[in-house]
Amino acid sequence: AGAETLKRAVELDAASRFQESLVCYQEGIDLLLQAMKATTNEAKKHRYQQKISEYLSRAEDIKEHIKKQDSKYHKQIRIEENATGFGYEKLFQEYLTENVSEVWVEDPYIRQVHQASRYLLYNFLRFCEMLVKGPCKVKTIHLLTSYDEGGGRSQQMTALEEIKQSLSNYGVTLNIDFSSSIHDREIRFNNGWMIKIGRGLDYFKKPRGLFSIGYCDFDLRPCRETTVDVILTKHTKKM
């Protein structure tokens, strides 16, 4: 798992997607540290230490690069545990200008996760409703996610197809692709803005009941702690 995460970090780094690569470097380094602590093989420990040192050095370089970028092109929002007032409109409306016509959503968990009892597909539907309401003129939404595992796949496909058909009634095309290796969670608009939420669209806590305050209005629903990075991608430069 650590090797795959670090491989993704290197790929993102090469593509100048530095904020995302930094997250992957940090996750991969943590996994290597765990592996190093678990092994008693001294040769392996030494190899792990070398790799950790290399990746830490690169991660520090990226941190410095991000700090030097003009702050108006990158801001970070910290959502505290149990905070309210962070519905999708609160986060996204500022960047959904009238010239936005195309949206990309990358999130591995737009599916049913029964054991967690989360409403992931409904979260995506709520996000689509916000896009339909405007003021942007969205015509195409691209969704990249992963297949639900086990018996939930049929329900996932049925729900996504229903969302796709419903969007078509509003003149919006939903393109759906699946990846078994997707790791990133990000939303991009064709006006250059990218919003990267640590938990993806699933940063809300489960509502207490079907008829509890916050079930319908996400502004009133408590959140789980997460970080939101907002970046104007057309100003990201090569290092």
C-alpha atoms as a PDB file:
ATOM      1  CA  ALA A   1       0.000   0.000   0.000  1.00  0.00           C
ATOM      2  CA  GLY A   2       2.839   2.387   0.818  1.00  0.00           C
ATOM      3  CA  ALA A   3       4.585   1.670  -2.484  1.00  0.00           C
ATOM      4  CA  GLU A   4       1.396   2.296  -4.478  1.00  0.00           C
ATOM      5  CA  THR A   5       0.692   5.538  -2.627  1.00  0.00           C
ATOM      6  CA  LEU A   6       4.230   6.792  -3.180  1.00  0.00           C
ATOM      7  CA  LYS A   7       4.093   5.786  -6.841  1.00  0.00           C
ATOM      8  CA  ARG A   8       0.986   7.940  -7.160  1.00  0.00           C
ATOM      9  CA  ALA A   9       2.779  10.771  -5.351  1.00  0.00           C
ATOM     10  CA  VAL A  10       5.621  10.669  -7.876  1.00  0.00           C
ATOM     11  CA  GLU A  11       3.134  10.662 -10.791  1.00  0.00           C
ATOM     12  CA  LEU A  12       1.287  13.684  -9.391  1.00  0.00           C
ATOM     13  CA  ASP A  13       4.579  15.408  -8.672  1.00  0.00           C
ATOM     14  CA  ALA A  14       5.680  14.926 -12.307  1.00  0.00           C
ATOM     15  CA  ALA A  15       2.340  16.355 -13.453  1.00  0.00           C
ATOM     16  CA  SER A  16       2.887  19.485 -11.298  1.00  0.00           C
ATOM     17  CA  ARG A  17      -0.114  18.606  -9.127  1.00  0.00           C
ATOM     18  CA  PHE A  18       1.910  19.495  -6.051  1.00  0.00           C
ATOM     19  CA  GLN A  19      -0.804  19.863  -3.415  1.00  0.00           C
ATOM     20  CA  GLU A  20      -2.139  16.404  -4.232  1.00  0.00           C
ATOM     21  CA  SER A  21       1.314  14.829  -4.473  1.00  0.00           C
ATOM     22  CA  LEU A  22       2.183  16.191  -1.019  1.00  0.00           C
ATOM     23  CA  VAL A  23      -0.832  14.412   0.499  1.00  0.00           C
ATOM     24  CA  CYS A  24       0.237  11.142  -1.140  1.00  0.00           C
ATOM     25  CA  TYR A  25       3.873  11.577  -0.056  1.00  0.00           C
ATOM     26  CA  GLN A  26       2.757  12.100   3.539  1.00  0.00           C
ATOM     27  CA  GLU A  27       0.443   9.073   3.499  1.00  0.00           C
ATOM     28  CA  GLY A  28       3.088   6.888   1.837  1.00  0.00           C
ATOM     29  CA  ILE A  29       5.793   7.930   4.296  1.00  0.00           C
ATOM     30  CA  ASP A  30       3.500   7.065   7.223  1.00  0.00           C
ATOM     31  CA  LEU A  31       2.903   3.610   5.732  1.00  0.00           C
ATOM     32  CA  LEU A  32       6.652   3.039   5.260  1.00  0.00           C
ATOM     33  CA  LEU A  33       7.266   4.076   8.867  1.00  0.00           C
ATOM     34  CA  GLN A  34       4.721   1.508  10.022  1.00  0.00           C
ATOM     35  CA  ALA A  35       6.375  -1.180   7.887  1.00  0.00           C
ATOM     36  CA  MET A  36       9.823  -0.282   9.228  1.00  0.00           C
ATOM     37  CA  LYS A  37       8.613  -0.568  12.820  1.00  0.00           C
ATOM     38  CA  ALA A  38       7.025  -3.947  12.106  1.00  0.00           C
ATOM     39  CA  THR A  39      10.089  -5.651  10.602  1.00  0.00           C
ATOM     40  CA  THR A  40      13.011  -7.140  12.498  1.00  0.00           C
ATOM     41  CA  ASN A  41      15.137  -7.481   9.359  1.00  0.00           C
ATOM     42  CA  GLU A  42      17.931  -4.924   9.676  1.00  0.00           C
ATOM     43  CA  ALA A  43      18.579  -4.801   5.919  1.00  0.00           C
ATOM     44  CA  LYS A  44      14.926  -3.990   5.285  1.00  0.00           C
ATOM     45  CA  LYS A  45      14.964  -1.355   8.020  1.00  0.00           C
ATOM     46  CA  HIS A  46      17.929   0.301   6.343  1.00  0.00           C
ATOM     47  CA  ARG A  47      16.197   0.334   2.916  1.00  0.00           C
ATOM     48  CA  TYR A  48      13.028   1.769   4.466  1.00  0.00           C
ATOM     49  CA  GLN A  49      15.062   4.504   6.184  1.00  0.00           C
ATOM     50  CA  GLN A  50      16.730   5.448   2.895  1.00  0.00           C
ATOM     51  CA  LYS A  51      13.408   5.675   1.047  1.00  0.00           C
ATOM     52  CA  ILE A  52      11.741   7.597   3.859  1.00  0.00           C
ATOM     53  CA  SER A  53      14.606  10.098   3.849  1.00  0.00           C
ATOM     54  CA  GLU A  54      14.345  10.563   0.058  1.00  0.00           C
ATOM     55  CA  TYR A  55      10.583  11.078   0.084  1.00  0.00           C
ATOM     56  CA  LEU A  56      10.715  13.367   3.131  1.00  0.00           C
ATOM     57  CA  SER A  57      13.226  15.564   1.347  1.00  0.00           C
ATOM     58  CA  ARG A  58      11.010  15.844  -1.719  1.00  0.00           C
ATOM     59  CA  ALA A  59       7.912  16.502   0.417  1.00  0.00           C
ATOM     60  CA  GLU A  60       9.723  19.373   2.169  1.00  0.00           C
ATOM     61  CA  ASP A  61      10.716  20.847  -1.211  1.00  0.00           C
ATOM     62  CA  ILE A  62       7.087  20.751  -2.322  1.00  0.00           C
ATOM     63  CA  LYS A  63       5.916  22.368   0.921  1.00  0.00           C
ATOM     64  CA  GLU A  64       8.309  25.244   0.345  1.00  0.00           C
ATOM     65  CA  HIS A  65       7.173  25.604  -3.259  1.00  0.00           C
ATOM     66  CA  ILE A  66       3.514  25.760  -2.229  1.00  0.00           C
ATOM     67  CA  LYS A  67       4.285  28.399   0.415  1.00  0.00           C
ATOM     68  CA  LYS A  68       5.993  30.584  -2.191  1.00  0.00           C
ATOM     69  CA  GLN A  69       2.996  30.567  -4.509  1.00  0.00           C
ATOM     70  CA  ASP A  70       0.840  33.669  -4.462  1.00  0.00           C
ATOM     71  CA  SER A  71      -1.647  33.228  -1.634  1.00  0.00           C
ATOM     72  CA  LYS A  72      -4.555  34.532  -3.735  1.00  0.00           C
ATOM     73  CA  TYR A  73      -4.282  31.408  -5.882  1.00  0.00           C
ATOM     74  CA  HIS A  74      -4.347  28.972  -2.979  1.00  0.00           C
ATOM     75  CA  LYS A  75      -6.311  29.093   0.224  1.00  0.00           C
ATOM     76  CA  GLN A  76      -7.047  26.476   2.806  1.00  0.00           C
ATOM     77  CA  ILE A  77     -10.230  26.059   4.818  1.00  0.00           C
ATOM     78  CA  ARG A  78     -10.259  23.985   7.992  1.00  0.00           C
ATOM     79  CA  ILE A  79     -13.616  22.426   8.857  1.00  0.00           C
ATOM     80  CA  GLU A  80     -13.702  21.484  12.535  1.00  0.00           C
ATOM     81  CA  GLU A  81     -15.369  18.408  13.989  1.00  0.00           C
ATOM     82  CA  ASN A  82     -19.138  18.986  14.421  1.00  0.00           C
ATOM     83  CA  ALA A  83     -18.997  22.368  12.670  1.00  0.00           C
ATOM     84  CA  THR A  84     -22.113  23.420  10.752  1.00  0.00           C
ATOM     85  CA  GLY A  85     -22.697  25.912   7.963  1.00  0.00           C
ATOM     86  CA  PHE A  86     -20.532  24.106   5.398  1.00  0.00           C
ATOM     87  CA  GLY A  87     -23.067  22.909   2.838  1.00  0.00           C
ATOM     88  CA  TYR A  88     -21.906  22.522  -0.740  1.00  0.00           C
ATOM     89  CA  GLU A  89     -23.110  26.009  -1.703  1.00  0.00           C
ATOM     90  CA  LYS A  90     -20.923  27.480   1.044  1.00  0.00           C
ATOM     91  CA  LEU A  91     -17.808  25.820  -0.374  1.00  0.00           C
ATOM     92  CA  PHE A  92     -18.404  25.952  -4.110  1.00  0.00           C
ATOM     93  CA  GLN A  93     -20.641  28.875  -5.109  1.00  0.00           C
ATOM     94  CA  GLU A  94     -17.808  31.409  -5.053  1.00  0.00           C
ATOM     95  CA  TYR A  95     -16.056  29.496  -7.835  1.00  0.00           C
ATOM     96  CA  LEU A  96     -19.104  28.497  -9.883  1.00  0.00           C
ATOM     97  CA  THR A  97     -19.066  31.527 -12.138  1.00  0.00           C
ATOM     98  CA  GLU A  98     -21.403  31.850 -15.106  1.00  0.00           C
ATOM     99  CA  ASN A  99     -18.736  30.611 -17.526  1.00  0.00           C
ATOM    100  CA  VAL A 100     -18.477  27.205 -15.829  1.00  0.00           C
ATOM    101  CA  SER A 101     -19.872  24.643 -18.260  1.00  0.00           C
ATOM    102  CA  GLU A 102     -17.888  21.517 -17.383  1.00  0.00           C
ATOM    103  CA  VAL A 103     -17.113  19.849 -14.056  1.00  0.00           C
ATOM    104  CA  TRP A 104     -14.850  16.939 -13.135  1.00  0.00           C
ATOM    105  CA  VAL A 105     -15.442  14.959  -9.934  1.00  0.00           C
ATOM    106  CA  GLU A 106     -12.835  12.421  -8.812  1.00  0.00           C
ATOM    107  CA  ASP A 107     -13.897  10.558  -5.688  1.00  0.00           C
ATOM    108  CA  PRO A 108     -13.372   6.822  -5.084  1.00  0.00           C
ATOM    109  CA  TYR A 109     -16.371   6.528  -2.768  1.00  0.00           C
ATOM    110  CA  ILE A 110     -19.415   7.624  -4.786  1.00  0.00           C
ATOM    111  CA  ARG A 111     -21.045   4.361  -3.887  1.00  0.00           C
ATOM    112  CA  GLN A 112     -22.882   2.630  -1.066  1.00  0.00           C
ATOM    113  CA  VAL A 113     -20.748   1.719   1.929  1.00  0.00           C
ATOM    114  CA  HIS A 114     -23.246  -0.263   3.935  1.00  0.00           C
ATOM    115  CA  GLN A 115     -21.099  -0.885   6.986  1.00  0.00           C
ATOM    116  CA  ALA A 116     -20.506   2.857   7.399  1.00  0.00           C
ATOM    117  CA  SER A 117     -24.163   3.770   6.772  1.00  0.00           C
ATOM    118  CA  ARG A 118     -23.218   6.876   4.836  1.00  0.00           C
ATOM    119  CA  TYR A 119     -25.262   8.489   2.136  1.00  0.00           C
ATOM    120  CA  LEU A 120     -22.514   8.798  -0.458  1.00  0.00           C
ATOM    121  CA  LEU A 121     -24.638   8.567  -3.587  1.00  0.00           C
ATOM    122  CA  TYR A 122     -27.093  11.074  -2.112  1.00  0.00           C
ATOM    123  CA  ASN A 123     -24.187  13.436  -1.447  1.00  0.00           C
ATOM    124  CA  PHE A 124     -23.248  13.311  -5.125  1.00  0.00           C
ATOM    125  CA  LEU A 125     -26.886  13.859  -6.095  1.00  0.00           C
ATOM    126  CA  ARG A 126     -27.016  16.915  -3.800  1.00  0.00           C
ATOM    127  CA  PHE A 127     -23.855  18.250  -5.435  1.00  0.00           C
ATOM    128  CA  CYS A 128     -25.432  17.808  -8.879  1.00  0.00           C
ATOM    129  CA  GLU A 129     -28.560  19.654  -7.712  1.00  0.00           C
ATOM    130  CA  MET A 130     -26.392  22.606  -6.731  1.00  0.00           C
ATOM    131  CA  LEU A 131     -24.830  22.658 -10.216  1.00  0.00           C
ATOM    132  CA  VAL A 132     -28.240  22.535 -11.900  1.00  0.00           C
ATOM    133  CA  LYS A 133     -29.489  25.503  -9.837  1.00  0.00           C
ATOM    134  CA  GLY A 134     -26.664  27.709 -11.136  1.00  0.00           C
ATOM    135  CA  PRO A 135     -25.696  30.498 -11.581  1.00  0.00           C
ATOM    136  CA  CYS A 136     -23.247  28.459 -13.668  1.00  0.00           C
ATOM    137  CA  LYS A 137     -24.356  26.903 -16.953  1.00  0.00           C
ATOM    138  CA  VAL A 138     -23.052  23.379 -16.493  1.00  0.00           C
ATOM    139  CA  LYS A 139     -23.568  21.126 -19.503  1.00  0.00           C
ATOM    140  CA  THR A 140     -21.255  18.210 -18.684  1.00  0.00           C
ATOM    141  CA  ILE A 141     -20.257  16.477 -15.447  1.00  0.00           C
ATOM    142  CA  HIS A 142     -17.463  13.886 -15.497  1.00  0.00           C
ATOM    143  CA  LEU A 143     -17.470  11.433 -12.591  1.00  0.00           C
ATOM    144  CA  LEU A 144     -14.505   9.154 -11.891  1.00  0.00           C
ATOM    145  CA  THR A 145     -15.094   6.765  -9.004  1.00  0.00           C
ATOM    146  CA  SER A 146     -14.604   3.111  -8.068  1.00  0.00           C
ATOM    147  CA  TYR A 147     -16.971   0.178  -8.216  1.00  0.00           C
ATOM    148  CA  ASP A 148     -18.794  -0.824  -5.092  1.00  0.00           C
ATOM    149  CA  GLU A 149     -17.494  -4.135  -3.841  1.00  0.00           C
ATOM    150  CA  GLY A 150     -19.715  -7.167  -3.499  1.00  0.00           C
ATOM    151  CA  GLY A 151     -23.492  -6.976  -3.663  1.00  0.00           C
ATOM    152  CA  GLY A 152     -23.653  -3.200  -3.636  1.00  0.00           C
ATOM    153  CA  ARG A 153     -22.476  -2.781  -7.222  1.00  0.00           C
ATOM    154  CA  SER A 154     -25.915  -3.313  -8.747  1.00  0.00           C
ATOM    155  CA  GLN A 155     -27.442  -0.694  -6.441  1.00  0.00           C
ATOM    156  CA  GLN A 156     -24.583   1.700  -7.223  1.00  0.00           C
ATOM    157  CA  MET A 157     -25.056   1.331 -10.984  1.00  0.00           C
ATOM    158  CA  THR A 158     -28.835   1.707 -10.727  1.00  0.00           C
ATOM    159  CA  ALA A 159     -28.529   4.885  -8.650  1.00  0.00           C
ATOM    160  CA  LEU A 160     -25.909   6.464 -10.920  1.00  0.00           C
ATOM    161  CA  GLU A 161     -27.977   5.675 -14.006  1.00  0.00           C
ATOM    162  CA  GLU A 162     -31.009   7.287 -12.382  1.00  0.00           C
ATOM    163  CA  ILE A 163     -28.965  10.413 -11.595  1.00  0.00           C
ATOM    164  CA  LYS A 164     -27.695  10.430 -15.185  1.00  0.00           C
ATOM    165  CA  GLN A 165     -31.207  10.224 -16.621  1.00  0.00           C
ATOM    166  CA  SER A 166     -32.502  12.895 -14.273  1.00  0.00           C
ATOM    167  CA  LEU A 167     -29.674  15.277 -15.189  1.00  0.00           C
ATOM    168  CA  SER A 168     -30.428  14.790 -18.872  1.00  0.00           C
ATOM    169  CA  ASN A 169     -33.879  16.312 -18.235  1.00  0.00           C
ATOM    170  CA  TYR A 170     -32.030  19.526 -17.355  1.00  0.00           C
ATOM    171  CA  GLY A 171     -29.757  19.409 -20.377  1.00  0.00           C
ATOM    172  CA  VAL A 172     -26.769  18.113 -18.405  1.00  0.00           C
ATOM    173  CA  THR A 173     -24.708  15.112 -19.541  1.00  0.00           C
ATOM    174  CA  LEU A 174     -23.180  12.858 -16.876  1.00  0.00           C
ATOM    175  CA  ASN A 175     -20.172  10.822 -18.019  1.00  0.00           C
ATOM    176  CA  ILE A 176     -19.263   8.020 -15.597  1.00  0.00           C
ATOM    177  CA  ASP A 177     -15.919   6.193 -15.498  1.00  0.00           C
ATOM    178  CA  PHE A 178     -14.551   3.698 -12.998  1.00  0.00           C
ATOM    179  CA  SER A 179     -11.042   3.066 -11.735  1.00  0.00           C
ATOM    180  CA  SER A 180      -9.820   0.405  -9.334  1.00  0.00           C
ATOM    181  CA  SER A 181      -6.749   2.458  -8.402  1.00  0.00           C
ATOM    182  CA  ILE A 182      -8.246   5.936  -7.923  1.00  0.00           C
ATOM    183  CA  HIS A 183      -6.936   7.585  -4.786  1.00  0.00           C
ATOM    184  CA  ASP A 184      -7.436  11.334  -5.157  1.00  0.00           C
ATOM    185  CA  ARG A 185     -10.473  13.328  -4.176  1.00  0.00           C
ATOM    186  CA  GLU A 186     -10.866  16.533  -6.131  1.00  0.00           C
ATOM    187  CA  ILE A 187     -13.390  18.650  -8.002  1.00  0.00           C
ATOM    188  CA  ARG A 188     -12.357  20.790 -10.977  1.00  0.00           C
ATOM    189  CA  PHE A 189     -14.227  23.457 -12.922  1.00  0.00           C
ATOM    190  CA  ASN A 190     -13.320  24.506 -16.446  1.00  0.00           C
ATOM    191  CA  ASN A 191     -12.723  28.085 -15.286  1.00  0.00           C
ATOM    192  CA  GLY A 192      -9.472  26.894 -13.678  1.00  0.00           C
ATOM    193  CA  TRP A 193     -10.552  26.330 -10.059  1.00  0.00           C
ATOM    194  CA  MET A 194      -9.839  23.060  -8.271  1.00  0.00           C
ATOM    195  CA  ILE A 195     -11.282  22.201  -4.853  1.00  0.00           C
ATOM    196  CA  LYS A 196      -9.641  19.342  -3.001  1.00  0.00           C
ATOM    197  CA  ILE A 197     -11.485  18.121   0.104  1.00  0.00           C
ATOM    198  CA  GLY A 198      -9.655  15.660   2.339  1.00  0.00           C
ATOM    199  CA  ARG A 199     -12.779  13.531   2.742  1.00  0.00           C
ATOM    200  CA  GLY A 200     -14.218  14.198  -0.711  1.00  0.00           C
ATOM    201  CA  LEU A 201     -17.947  14.924  -0.804  1.00  0.00           C
ATOM    202  CA  ASP A 202     -18.451  12.744   2.268  1.00  0.00           C
ATOM    203  CA  TYR A 203     -17.469  15.203   5.025  1.00  0.00           C
ATOM    204  CA  PHE A 204     -20.889  15.252   6.687  1.00  0.00           C
ATOM    205  CA  LYS A 205     -21.872  13.148   9.664  1.00  0.00           C
ATOM    206  CA  LYS A 206     -24.725  10.692   9.392  1.00  0.00           C
ATOM    207  CA  PRO A 207     -28.063  12.403  10.196  1.00  0.00           C
ATOM    208  CA  ARG A 208     -29.633  11.261  13.437  1.00  0.00           C
ATOM    209  CA  GLY A 209     -32.818  10.237  11.696  1.00  0.00           C
ATOM    210  CA  LEU A 210     -34.915  10.669   8.575  1.00  0.00           C
ATOM    211  CA  PHE A 211     -36.822  13.513  10.217  1.00  0.00           C
ATOM    212  CA  SER A 212     -33.989  15.249  12.067  1.00  0.00           C
ATOM    213  CA  ILE A 213     -32.793  18.791  11.358  1.00  0.00           C
ATOM    214  CA  GLY A 214     -29.940  18.658   8.881  1.00  0.00           C
ATOM    215  CA  TYR A 215     -31.212  15.656   6.949  1.00  0.00           C
ATOM    216  CA  CYS A 216     -32.250  17.820   3.971  1.00  0.00           C
ATOM    217  CA  ASP A 217     -30.356  21.050   4.602  1.00  0.00           C
ATOM    218  CA  PHE A 218     -26.626  20.287   4.593  1.00  0.00           C
ATOM    219  CA  ASP A 219     -25.815  23.689   6.108  1.00  0.00           C
ATOM    220  CA  LEU A 220     -27.427  22.420   9.320  1.00  0.00           C
ATOM    221  CA  ARG A 221     -25.710  19.038   9.336  1.00  0.00           C
ATOM    222  CA  PRO A 222     -22.617  18.580  11.562  1.00  0.00           C
ATOM    223  CA  CYS A 223     -19.390  17.899   9.695  1.00  0.00           C
ATOM    224  CA  ARG A 224     -16.466  15.599  10.265  1.00  0.00           C
ATOM    225  CA  GLU A 225     -13.107  17.298  10.582  1.00  0.00           C
ATOM    226  CA  THR A 226     -11.424  17.853   7.222  1.00  0.00           C
ATOM    227  CA  THR A 227      -9.301  20.272   5.208  1.00  0.00           C
ATOM    228  CA  VAL A 228     -10.349  21.990   1.979  1.00  0.00           C
ATOM    229  CA  ASP A 229      -7.712  23.300  -0.453  1.00  0.00           C
ATOM    230  CA  VAL A 230      -8.817  25.738  -3.157  1.00  0.00           C
ATOM    231  CA  ILE A 231      -6.340  26.234  -6.000  1.00  0.00           C
ATOM    232  CA  LEU A 232      -6.429  28.211  -9.233  1.00  0.00           C
ATOM    233  CA  THR A 233      -4.766  25.531 -11.359  1.00  0.00           C
ATOM    234  CA  LYS A 234      -3.839  27.671 -14.342  1.00  0.00           C
ATOM    235  CA  HIS A 235      -1.333  29.463 -12.072  1.00  0.00           C
ATOM    236  CA  THR A 236       0.417  26.260 -10.976  1.00  0.00           C
ATOM    237  CA  LYS A 237       3.958  26.315 -12.348  1.00  0.00           C
ATOM    238  CA  LYS A 238       6.636  23.707 -12.885  1.00  0.00           C
ATOM    239  CA  MET A 239       9.332  23.440 -10.213  1.00  0.00           C
END
